[in-house]
Amino acid sequence: MGIEIERLERELLQMSAEETPGREFCEAIAELARTGRFAQLRAVLPRIVYDELWARYQQNAGAFVAGWRMLAQEMRQGFVQHARQRLTSLTKLHYAGYEEPTPAWQEIQRALDGQQNDLLRTAFALELLELVEPAALRATHLRECVVAAPSSEEADRYLDEATRCYFFGLFTACAVMCRSVLEEAIKQRLPPGLTRQVRTRYRNAATLGNLLHEVNNNLQMTGIDAEFPRVANMVNDTGKKAVHQGLLSEDEARACLHNAREALQLLLRG
């Protein structure tokens, strides 16, 4: 039985709309403020929200009323859309020297977030639903990474994060985590003598490039497959590009993840 993502989105929006404040809510605030009955809001709003609205009303009563009337007209988009805008605003830098007029919806958004009908939950759910189809498609490009020897719990977590970053479109982060998983796996694979030498030489801060240099110069001692440094170096190059040169494309992240998994299979052959 197929899963209809669009149907889930419609049902989610319908569930949210049943309890989400809308046009009448905004018009009521504007009318109470216009007619000098602002105090009646104290009984229906959380204290922190009432205090914030009261402070804004005192600053400029006319602008306050006009703002809420305008918001009432914009309710065809709904508070859920405003919650999604807030999510976007949380992911960006905001220059303190440039002040834009605060939209009316932001005045009560945080209070509504904490109510039974949590708008941020709905916004996150919609964001995640949009990721389902592309994530499923990306997952078809991968197969299980089967190795002959275990590595470490840390390496497993790094690989898990790298793969999930790829699934959900965080391509630059995927490449960075691919470097981390190889760094951890190599450290677990080095013989004790070489481990001590690496720690001393790089003051416990060896990068993937440093580790690959040592592995390449000590292949016989480590017993690592001679093909491993070549594949791992491709991961390192992509990871360095991700850190120093800019955002990666989906194709670059997928190639990096494939190379990291191949490198792990070469490294953990037994």
C-alpha atoms as a PDB file:
ATOM      1  CA  MET A   1       0.000   0.000   0.000  1.00  0.00           C
ATOM      2  CA  GLY A   2       1.544   3.266  -1.112  1.00  0.00           C
ATOM      3  CA  ILE A   3       1.996   6.240   1.174  1.00  0.00           C
ATOM      4  CA  GLU A   4       0.550   9.454  -0.276  1.00  0.00           C
ATOM      5  CA  ILE A   5       2.709  12.282   1.050  1.00  0.00           C
ATOM      6  CA  GLU A   6       0.355  14.951  -0.293  1.00  0.00           C
ATOM      7  CA  ARG A   7      -2.536  13.334   1.546  1.00  0.00           C
ATOM      8  CA  LEU A   8      -0.554  13.328   4.789  1.00  0.00           C
ATOM      9  CA  GLU A   9       0.221  17.026   4.298  1.00  0.00           C
ATOM     10  CA  ARG A  10      -3.455  17.839   3.737  1.00  0.00           C
ATOM     11  CA  GLU A  11      -4.520  15.891   6.816  1.00  0.00           C
ATOM     12  CA  LEU A  12      -1.817  17.527   8.910  1.00  0.00           C
ATOM     13  CA  LEU A  13      -2.912  21.012   7.844  1.00  0.00           C
ATOM     14  CA  GLN A  14      -6.548  20.134   8.517  1.00  0.00           C
ATOM     15  CA  MET A  15      -5.708  18.877  12.013  1.00  0.00           C
ATOM     16  CA  SER A  16      -3.747  22.028  12.737  1.00  0.00           C
ATOM     17  CA  ALA A  17      -6.401  24.369  11.344  1.00  0.00           C
ATOM     18  CA  GLU A  18      -9.018  23.000  13.732  1.00  0.00           C
ATOM     19  CA  GLU A  19      -7.387  24.682  16.731  1.00  0.00           C
ATOM     20  CA  THR A  20      -5.146  27.335  15.203  1.00  0.00           C
ATOM     21  CA  PRO A  21      -6.188  30.969  15.759  1.00  0.00           C
ATOM     22  CA  GLY A  22      -7.278  32.681  12.578  1.00  0.00           C
ATOM     23  CA  ARG A  23      -9.043  35.739  11.209  1.00  0.00           C
ATOM     24  CA  GLU A  24     -11.557  36.075  14.052  1.00  0.00           C
ATOM     25  CA  PHE A  25      -8.787  35.824  16.649  1.00  0.00           C
ATOM     26  CA  CYS A  26      -6.811  38.648  15.044  1.00  0.00           C
ATOM     27  CA  GLU A  27      -9.864  40.840  14.473  1.00  0.00           C
ATOM     28  CA  ALA A  28     -10.870  40.401  18.113  1.00  0.00           C
ATOM     29  CA  ILE A  29      -7.474  41.615  19.355  1.00  0.00           C
ATOM     30  CA  ALA A  30      -7.594  44.607  17.009  1.00  0.00           C
ATOM     31  CA  GLU A  31     -11.155  45.545  18.060  1.00  0.00           C
ATOM     32  CA  LEU A  32     -10.516  45.217  21.785  1.00  0.00           C
ATOM     33  CA  ALA A  33      -7.417  47.389  21.438  1.00  0.00           C
ATOM     34  CA  ARG A  34      -9.244  49.980  19.308  1.00  0.00           C
ATOM     35  CA  THR A  35     -12.131  50.327  21.731  1.00  0.00           C
ATOM     36  CA  GLY A  36     -10.039  50.581  24.876  1.00  0.00           C
ATOM     37  CA  ARG A  37     -10.942  47.106  26.176  1.00  0.00           C
ATOM     38  CA  PHE A  38      -7.426  45.733  25.984  1.00  0.00           C
ATOM     39  CA  ALA A  39      -7.567  44.493  29.589  1.00  0.00           C
ATOM     40  CA  GLN A  40     -10.105  41.816  28.589  1.00  0.00           C
ATOM     41  CA  LEU A  41      -7.280  39.971  26.817  1.00  0.00           C
ATOM     42  CA  ARG A  42      -5.687  39.234  30.183  1.00  0.00           C
ATOM     43  CA  ALA A  43      -8.184  36.447  30.802  1.00  0.00           C
ATOM     44  CA  VAL A  44      -7.545  34.625  27.521  1.00  0.00           C
ATOM     45  CA  LEU A  45      -3.825  35.101  26.855  1.00  0.00           C
ATOM     46  CA  PRO A  46      -0.810  33.746  28.765  1.00  0.00           C
ATOM     47  CA  ARG A  47       0.666  36.366  31.086  1.00  0.00           C
ATOM     48  CA  ILE A  48       3.918  36.726  29.156  1.00  0.00           C
ATOM     49  CA  VAL A  49       2.038  37.262  25.880  1.00  0.00           C
ATOM     50  CA  TYR A  50      -0.362  39.756  27.403  1.00  0.00           C
ATOM     51  CA  ASP A  51       2.511  41.768  28.854  1.00  0.00           C
ATOM     52  CA  GLU A  52       4.341  41.839  25.509  1.00  0.00           C
ATOM     53  CA  LEU A  53       1.223  42.887  23.569  1.00  0.00           C
ATOM     54  CA  TRP A  54       0.415  45.531  26.161  1.00  0.00           C
ATOM     55  CA  ALA A  55       3.921  46.985  25.892  1.00  0.00           C
ATOM     56  CA  ARG A  56       3.641  47.144  22.088  1.00  0.00           C
ATOM     57  CA  TYR A  57       0.171  48.687  22.303  1.00  0.00           C
ATOM     58  CA  GLN A  58       1.455  51.425  24.608  1.00  0.00           C
ATOM     59  CA  GLN A  59       4.311  52.211  22.229  1.00  0.00           C
ATOM     60  CA  ASN A  60       2.012  52.879  19.264  1.00  0.00           C
ATOM     61  CA  ALA A  61      -1.681  52.091  19.654  1.00  0.00           C
ATOM     62  CA  GLY A  62      -2.560  52.992  16.075  1.00  0.00           C
ATOM     63  CA  ALA A  63       0.132  50.828  14.533  1.00  0.00           C
ATOM     64  CA  PHE A  64      -0.793  47.960  16.856  1.00  0.00           C
ATOM     65  CA  VAL A  65      -4.436  47.975  15.759  1.00  0.00           C
ATOM     66  CA  ALA A  66      -3.520  48.348  12.083  1.00  0.00           C
ATOM     67  CA  GLY A  67      -1.030  45.484  12.317  1.00  0.00           C
ATOM     68  CA  TRP A  68      -3.560  43.064  13.756  1.00  0.00           C
ATOM     69  CA  ARG A  69      -6.202  44.081  11.229  1.00  0.00           C
ATOM     70  CA  MET A  70      -3.721  43.426   8.426  1.00  0.00           C
ATOM     71  CA  LEU A  71      -2.853  40.060   9.924  1.00  0.00           C
ATOM     72  CA  ALA A  72      -6.555  39.157   9.965  1.00  0.00           C
ATOM     73  CA  GLN A  73      -6.647  39.749   6.217  1.00  0.00           C
ATOM     74  CA  GLU A  74      -3.593  37.542   5.742  1.00  0.00           C
ATOM     75  CA  MET A  75      -5.074  34.571   7.560  1.00  0.00           C
ATOM     76  CA  ARG A  76      -5.708  32.786   4.268  1.00  0.00           C
ATOM     77  CA  GLN A  77      -2.045  31.727   4.633  1.00  0.00           C
ATOM     78  CA  GLY A  78      -2.612  30.789   8.253  1.00  0.00           C
ATOM     79  CA  PHE A  79      -0.461  30.737  11.329  1.00  0.00           C
ATOM     80  CA  VAL A  80       1.184  27.517  10.193  1.00  0.00           C
ATOM     81  CA  GLN A  81       2.831  29.347   7.311  1.00  0.00           C
ATOM     82  CA  HIS A  82       4.044  31.987   9.729  1.00  0.00           C
ATOM     83  CA  ALA A  83       5.481  29.245  11.943  1.00  0.00           C
ATOM     84  CA  ARG A  84       7.400  27.912   8.928  1.00  0.00           C
ATOM     85  CA  GLN A  85       8.743  31.398   8.308  1.00  0.00           C
ATOM     86  CA  ARG A  86       9.923  31.467  11.891  1.00  0.00           C
ATOM     87  CA  LEU A  87      11.776  28.174  11.346  1.00  0.00           C
ATOM     88  CA  THR A  88      13.555  29.772   8.410  1.00  0.00           C
ATOM     89  CA  SER A  89      14.435  32.836  10.470  1.00  0.00           C
ATOM     90  CA  LEU A  90      16.026  30.603  13.122  1.00  0.00           C
ATOM     91  CA  THR A  91      18.475  29.234  10.535  1.00  0.00           C
ATOM     92  CA  LYS A  92      19.855  32.605   9.425  1.00  0.00           C
ATOM     93  CA  LEU A  93      22.006  35.392  10.798  1.00  0.00           C
ATOM     94  CA  HIS A  94      20.236  38.628  11.636  1.00  0.00           C
ATOM     95  CA  TYR A  95      22.153  41.887  11.498  1.00  0.00           C
ATOM     96  CA  ALA A  96      21.521  43.872  14.670  1.00  0.00           C
ATOM     97  CA  GLY A  97      22.174  47.180  12.933  1.00  0.00           C
ATOM     98  CA  TYR A  98      19.255  46.691  10.553  1.00  0.00           C
ATOM     99  CA  GLU A  99      15.859  46.647  12.200  1.00  0.00           C
ATOM    100  CA  GLU A 100      12.804  45.650  10.207  1.00  0.00           C
ATOM    101  CA  PRO A 101       9.291  46.268  11.516  1.00  0.00           C
ATOM    102  CA  THR A 102       8.275  43.252  13.579  1.00  0.00           C
ATOM    103  CA  PRO A 103       5.355  41.413  11.945  1.00  0.00           C
ATOM    104  CA  ALA A 104       2.311  41.116  14.160  1.00  0.00           C
ATOM    105  CA  TRP A 105       2.329  37.329  14.051  1.00  0.00           C
ATOM    106  CA  GLN A 106       5.682  37.228  15.824  1.00  0.00           C
ATOM    107  CA  GLU A 107       4.140  38.924  18.850  1.00  0.00           C
ATOM    108  CA  ILE A 108       2.206  35.802  19.848  1.00  0.00           C
ATOM    109  CA  GLN A 109       4.081  33.075  17.963  1.00  0.00           C
ATOM    110  CA  ARG A 110       6.168  31.905  20.904  1.00  0.00           C
ATOM    111  CA  ALA A 111       3.131  31.638  23.155  1.00  0.00           C
ATOM    112  CA  LEU A 112       1.185  29.666  20.572  1.00  0.00           C
ATOM    113  CA  ASP A 113       4.176  27.329  20.217  1.00  0.00           C
ATOM    114  CA  GLY A 114       3.597  26.154  23.757  1.00  0.00           C
ATOM    115  CA  GLN A 115      -0.138  25.501  23.453  1.00  0.00           C
ATOM    116  CA  GLN A 116      -1.762  22.128  22.803  1.00  0.00           C
ATOM    117  CA  ASN A 117      -1.866  22.889  19.092  1.00  0.00           C
ATOM    118  CA  ASP A 118       1.866  23.452  18.739  1.00  0.00           C
ATOM    119  CA  LEU A 119       2.495  25.411  15.549  1.00  0.00           C
ATOM    120  CA  LEU A 120       6.197  24.657  15.472  1.00  0.00           C
ATOM    121  CA  ARG A 121       5.442  20.941  15.599  1.00  0.00           C
ATOM    122  CA  THR A 122       3.201  21.339  12.574  1.00  0.00           C
ATOM    123  CA  ALA A 123       5.835  23.399  10.776  1.00  0.00           C
ATOM    124  CA  PHE A 124       8.514  20.798  11.476  1.00  0.00           C
ATOM    125  CA  ALA A 125       6.203  17.991  10.386  1.00  0.00           C
ATOM    126  CA  LEU A 126       5.568  19.721   7.059  1.00  0.00           C
ATOM    127  CA  GLU A 127       9.276  20.320   6.564  1.00  0.00           C
ATOM    128  CA  LEU A 128      10.032  16.655   7.219  1.00  0.00           C
ATOM    129  CA  LEU A 129       7.245  15.408   4.968  1.00  0.00           C
ATOM    130  CA  GLU A 130       8.791  17.369   2.108  1.00  0.00           C
ATOM    131  CA  LEU A 131      12.039  15.480   2.697  1.00  0.00           C
ATOM    132  CA  VAL A 132      10.496  12.014   2.457  1.00  0.00           C
ATOM    133  CA  GLU A 133      10.400  11.556  -1.317  1.00  0.00           C
ATOM    134  CA  PRO A 134      13.912  12.893  -2.094  1.00  0.00           C
ATOM    135  CA  ALA A 135      15.347  10.998   0.897  1.00  0.00           C
ATOM    136  CA  ALA A 136      13.760   7.749  -0.297  1.00  0.00           C
ATOM    137  CA  LEU A 137      15.196   8.286  -3.775  1.00  0.00           C
ATOM    138  CA  ARG A 138      18.682   8.930  -2.394  1.00  0.00           C
ATOM    139  CA  ALA A 139      18.456   5.794  -0.273  1.00  0.00           C
ATOM    140  CA  THR A 140      18.007   3.723  -3.446  1.00  0.00           C
ATOM    141  CA  HIS A 141      21.538   4.738  -4.474  1.00  0.00           C
ATOM    142  CA  LEU A 142      23.068   2.940  -1.473  1.00  0.00           C
ATOM    143  CA  ARG A 143      23.574  -0.663  -0.454  1.00  0.00           C
ATOM    144  CA  GLU A 144      24.513  -2.101   2.930  1.00  0.00           C
ATOM    145  CA  CYS A 145      28.145  -1.502   3.877  1.00  0.00           C
ATOM    146  CA  VAL A 146      29.399  -4.991   4.797  1.00  0.00           C
ATOM    147  CA  VAL A 147      32.816  -5.265   6.493  1.00  0.00           C
ATOM    148  CA  ALA A 148      34.794  -8.226   7.804  1.00  0.00           C
ATOM    149  CA  ALA A 149      35.957  -6.637  11.064  1.00  0.00           C
ATOM    150  CA  PRO A 150      34.320  -4.244  13.557  1.00  0.00           C
ATOM    151  CA  SER A 151      35.526  -0.687  14.085  1.00  0.00           C
ATOM    152  CA  SER A 152      34.117   1.351  16.987  1.00  0.00           C
ATOM    153  CA  GLU A 153      30.866   2.778  18.282  1.00  0.00           C
ATOM    154  CA  GLU A 154      32.092   6.278  17.402  1.00  0.00           C
ATOM    155  CA  ALA A 155      32.788   5.289  13.801  1.00  0.00           C
ATOM    156  CA  ASP A 156      29.317   3.767  13.537  1.00  0.00           C
ATOM    157  CA  ARG A 157      27.743   6.985  14.785  1.00  0.00           C
ATOM    158  CA  TYR A 158      29.779   9.093  12.353  1.00  0.00           C
ATOM    159  CA  LEU A 159      28.700   6.883   9.447  1.00  0.00           C
ATOM    160  CA  ASP A 160      25.095   7.068  10.608  1.00  0.00           C
ATOM    161  CA  GLU A 161      25.230  10.887  10.677  1.00  0.00           C
ATOM    162  CA  ALA A 162      26.981  11.097   7.313  1.00  0.00           C
ATOM    163  CA  THR A 163      24.362   8.875   5.700  1.00  0.00           C
ATOM    164  CA  ARG A 164      21.417  10.700   7.240  1.00  0.00           C
ATOM    165  CA  CYS A 165      22.892  14.051   6.180  1.00  0.00           C
ATOM    166  CA  TYR A 166      22.945  12.722   2.624  1.00  0.00           C
ATOM    167  CA  PHE A 167      19.361  11.463   2.878  1.00  0.00           C
ATOM    168  CA  PHE A 168      18.068  14.813   4.104  1.00  0.00           C
ATOM    169  CA  GLY A 169      19.973  17.065   1.710  1.00  0.00           C
ATOM    170  CA  LEU A 170      22.754  18.262   4.048  1.00  0.00           C
ATOM    171  CA  PHE A 171      25.402  17.542   1.454  1.00  0.00           C
ATOM    172  CA  THR A 172      28.286  19.603   2.829  1.00  0.00           C
ATOM    173  CA  ALA A 173      27.770  18.177   6.323  1.00  0.00           C
ATOM    174  CA  CYS A 174      27.710  14.687   4.796  1.00  0.00           C
ATOM    175  CA  ALA A 175      31.227  15.116   3.393  1.00  0.00           C
ATOM    176  CA  VAL A 176      32.540  16.514   6.678  1.00  0.00           C
ATOM    177  CA  MET A 177      31.171  13.512   8.555  1.00  0.00           C
ATOM    178  CA  CYS A 178      32.651  11.137   5.975  1.00  0.00           C
ATOM    179  CA  ARG A 179      36.084  12.484   6.890  1.00  0.00           C
ATOM    180  CA  SER A 180      35.315  11.980  10.566  1.00  0.00           C
ATOM    181  CA  VAL A 181      34.304   8.344  10.154  1.00  0.00           C
ATOM    182  CA  LEU A 182      37.546   7.515   8.323  1.00  0.00           C
ATOM    183  CA  GLU A 183      39.643   9.352  10.907  1.00  0.00           C
ATOM    184  CA  GLU A 184      38.053   7.334  13.695  1.00  0.00           C
ATOM    185  CA  ALA A 185      38.247   4.023  11.829  1.00  0.00           C
ATOM    186  CA  ILE A 186      41.940   4.510  10.979  1.00  0.00           C
ATOM    187  CA  LYS A 187      42.832   5.308  14.586  1.00  0.00           C
ATOM    188  CA  GLN A 188      41.219   2.054  15.684  1.00  0.00           C
ATOM    189  CA  ARG A 189      43.150   0.134  13.028  1.00  0.00           C
ATOM    190  CA  LEU A 190      46.696   1.389  13.717  1.00  0.00           C
ATOM    191  CA  PRO A 191      49.053  -0.842  15.699  1.00  0.00           C
ATOM    192  CA  PRO A 192      49.972   0.486  19.177  1.00  0.00           C
ATOM    193  CA  GLY A 193      53.486   1.574  18.238  1.00  0.00           C
ATOM    194  CA  LEU A 194      52.335   3.633  15.290  1.00  0.00           C
ATOM    195  CA  THR A 195      49.476   5.049  17.349  1.00  0.00           C
ATOM    196  CA  ARG A 196      51.932   6.411  19.926  1.00  0.00           C
ATOM    197  CA  GLN A 197      54.109   7.829  17.168  1.00  0.00           C
ATOM    198  CA  VAL A 198      51.164   9.580  15.521  1.00  0.00           C
ATOM    199  CA  ARG A 199      49.957  11.030  18.819  1.00  0.00           C
ATOM    200  CA  THR A 200      53.391  12.442  19.559  1.00  0.00           C
ATOM    201  CA  ARG A 201      54.078  13.732  16.060  1.00  0.00           C
ATOM    202  CA  TYR A 202      50.728  15.511  15.688  1.00  0.00           C
ATOM    203  CA  ARG A 203      50.130  16.338  19.352  1.00  0.00           C
ATOM    204  CA  ASN A 204      46.912  14.304  19.512  1.00  0.00           C
ATOM    205  CA  ALA A 205      45.423  16.374  16.672  1.00  0.00           C
ATOM    206  CA  ALA A 206      46.122  14.298  13.564  1.00  0.00           C
ATOM    207  CA  THR A 207      43.864  15.103  10.620  1.00  0.00           C
ATOM    208  CA  LEU A 208      42.670  12.574   8.075  1.00  0.00           C
ATOM    209  CA  GLY A 209      45.429  13.788   5.772  1.00  0.00           C
ATOM    210  CA  ASN A 210      48.032  13.164   8.473  1.00  0.00           C
ATOM    211  CA  LEU A 211      46.685   9.698   9.169  1.00  0.00           C
ATOM    212  CA  LEU A 212      46.637   8.755   5.491  1.00  0.00           C
ATOM    213  CA  HIS A 213      50.236   9.921   5.162  1.00  0.00           C
ATOM    214  CA  GLU A 214      51.273   7.629   8.020  1.00  0.00           C
ATOM    215  CA  VAL A 215      49.254   4.712   6.674  1.00  0.00           C
ATOM    216  CA  ASN A 216      50.740   5.097   3.203  1.00  0.00           C
ATOM    217  CA  ASN A 217      54.274   5.081   4.653  1.00  0.00           C
ATOM    218  CA  ASN A 218      53.584   2.064   6.859  1.00  0.00           C
ATOM    219  CA  LEU A 219      51.339  -0.199   4.810  1.00  0.00           C
ATOM    220  CA  GLN A 220      53.272  -3.339   5.687  1.00  0.00           C
ATOM    221  CA  MET A 221      53.229  -2.546   9.405  1.00  0.00           C
ATOM    222  CA  THR A 222      49.519  -1.764   9.473  1.00  0.00           C
ATOM    223  CA  GLY A 223      48.437  -4.579   7.193  1.00  0.00           C
ATOM    224  CA  ILE A 224      45.975  -2.216   5.511  1.00  0.00           C
ATOM    225  CA  ASP A 225      44.960  -2.850   1.894  1.00  0.00           C
ATOM    226  CA  ALA A 226      47.206  -0.901  -0.500  1.00  0.00           C
ATOM    227  CA  GLU A 227      44.137   0.423  -2.334  1.00  0.00           C
ATOM    228  CA  PHE A 228      42.765   2.071   0.806  1.00  0.00           C
ATOM    229  CA  PRO A 229      44.854   5.306   0.755  1.00  0.00           C
ATOM    230  CA  ARG A 230      43.770   6.133  -2.806  1.00  0.00           C
ATOM    231  CA  VAL A 231      40.054   5.839  -2.056  1.00  0.00           C
ATOM    232  CA  ALA A 232      40.347   7.520   1.344  1.00  0.00           C
ATOM    233  CA  ASN A 233      42.248  10.441  -0.177  1.00  0.00           C
ATOM    234  CA  MET A 234      39.270  11.141  -2.446  1.00  0.00           C
ATOM    235  CA  VAL A 235      37.113  11.420   0.666  1.00  0.00           C
ATOM    236  CA  ASN A 236      39.663  13.696   2.269  1.00  0.00           C
ATOM    237  CA  ASP A 237      39.790  15.959  -0.796  1.00  0.00           C
ATOM    238  CA  THR A 238      36.011  16.315  -0.908  1.00  0.00           C
ATOM    239  CA  GLY A 239      35.862  16.908   2.818  1.00  0.00           C
ATOM    240  CA  LYS A 240      38.473  19.658   2.599  1.00  0.00           C
ATOM    241  CA  LYS A 241      36.510  21.266  -0.215  1.00  0.00           C
ATOM    242  CA  ALA A 242      33.399  21.171   1.957  1.00  0.00           C
ATOM    243  CA  VAL A 243      35.205  22.873   4.831  1.00  0.00           C
ATOM    244  CA  HIS A 244      37.247  25.438   2.937  1.00  0.00           C
ATOM    245  CA  GLN A 245      35.799  26.080  -0.520  1.00  0.00           C
ATOM    246  CA  GLY A 246      32.006  26.123  -0.284  1.00  0.00           C
ATOM    247  CA  LEU A 247      28.823  24.111  -0.339  1.00  0.00           C
ATOM    248  CA  LEU A 248      28.747  20.762  -2.111  1.00  0.00           C
ATOM    249  CA  SER A 249      26.287  19.436  -4.661  1.00  0.00           C
ATOM    250  CA  GLU A 250      24.229  16.290  -4.219  1.00  0.00           C
ATOM    251  CA  ASP A 251      26.420  14.409  -6.702  1.00  0.00           C
ATOM    252  CA  GLU A 252      29.581  15.367  -4.816  1.00  0.00           C
ATOM    253  CA  ALA A 253      28.103  14.257  -1.501  1.00  0.00           C
ATOM    254  CA  ARG A 254      26.907  10.962  -2.944  1.00  0.00           C
ATOM    255  CA  ALA A 255      30.331  10.240  -4.467  1.00  0.00           C
ATOM    256  CA  CYS A 256      32.016  11.118  -1.171  1.00  0.00           C
ATOM    257  CA  LEU A 257      29.716   8.819   0.785  1.00  0.00           C
ATOM    258  CA  HIS A 258      30.264   5.982  -1.694  1.00  0.00           C
ATOM    259  CA  ASN A 259      34.032   6.440  -1.428  1.00  0.00           C
ATOM    260  CA  ALA A 260      33.901   6.532   2.376  1.00  0.00           C
ATOM    261  CA  ARG A 261      31.952   3.280   2.480  1.00  0.00           C
ATOM    262  CA  GLU A 262      34.325   1.636   0.011  1.00  0.00           C
ATOM    263  CA  ALA A 263      37.281   2.844   2.046  1.00  0.00           C
ATOM    264  CA  LEU A 264      35.777   1.332   5.199  1.00  0.00           C
ATOM    265  CA  GLN A 265      35.348  -2.010   3.460  1.00  0.00           C
ATOM    266  CA  LEU A 266      39.011  -1.929   2.389  1.00  0.00           C
ATOM    267  CA  LEU A 267      40.148  -0.872   5.848  1.00  0.00           C
ATOM    268  CA  LEU A 268      38.078  -3.446   7.747  1.00  0.00           C
ATOM    269  CA  ARG A 269      38.799  -6.537   5.717  1.00  0.00           C
ATOM    270  CA  GLY A 270      39.936  -8.501   8.736  1.00  0.00           C
END
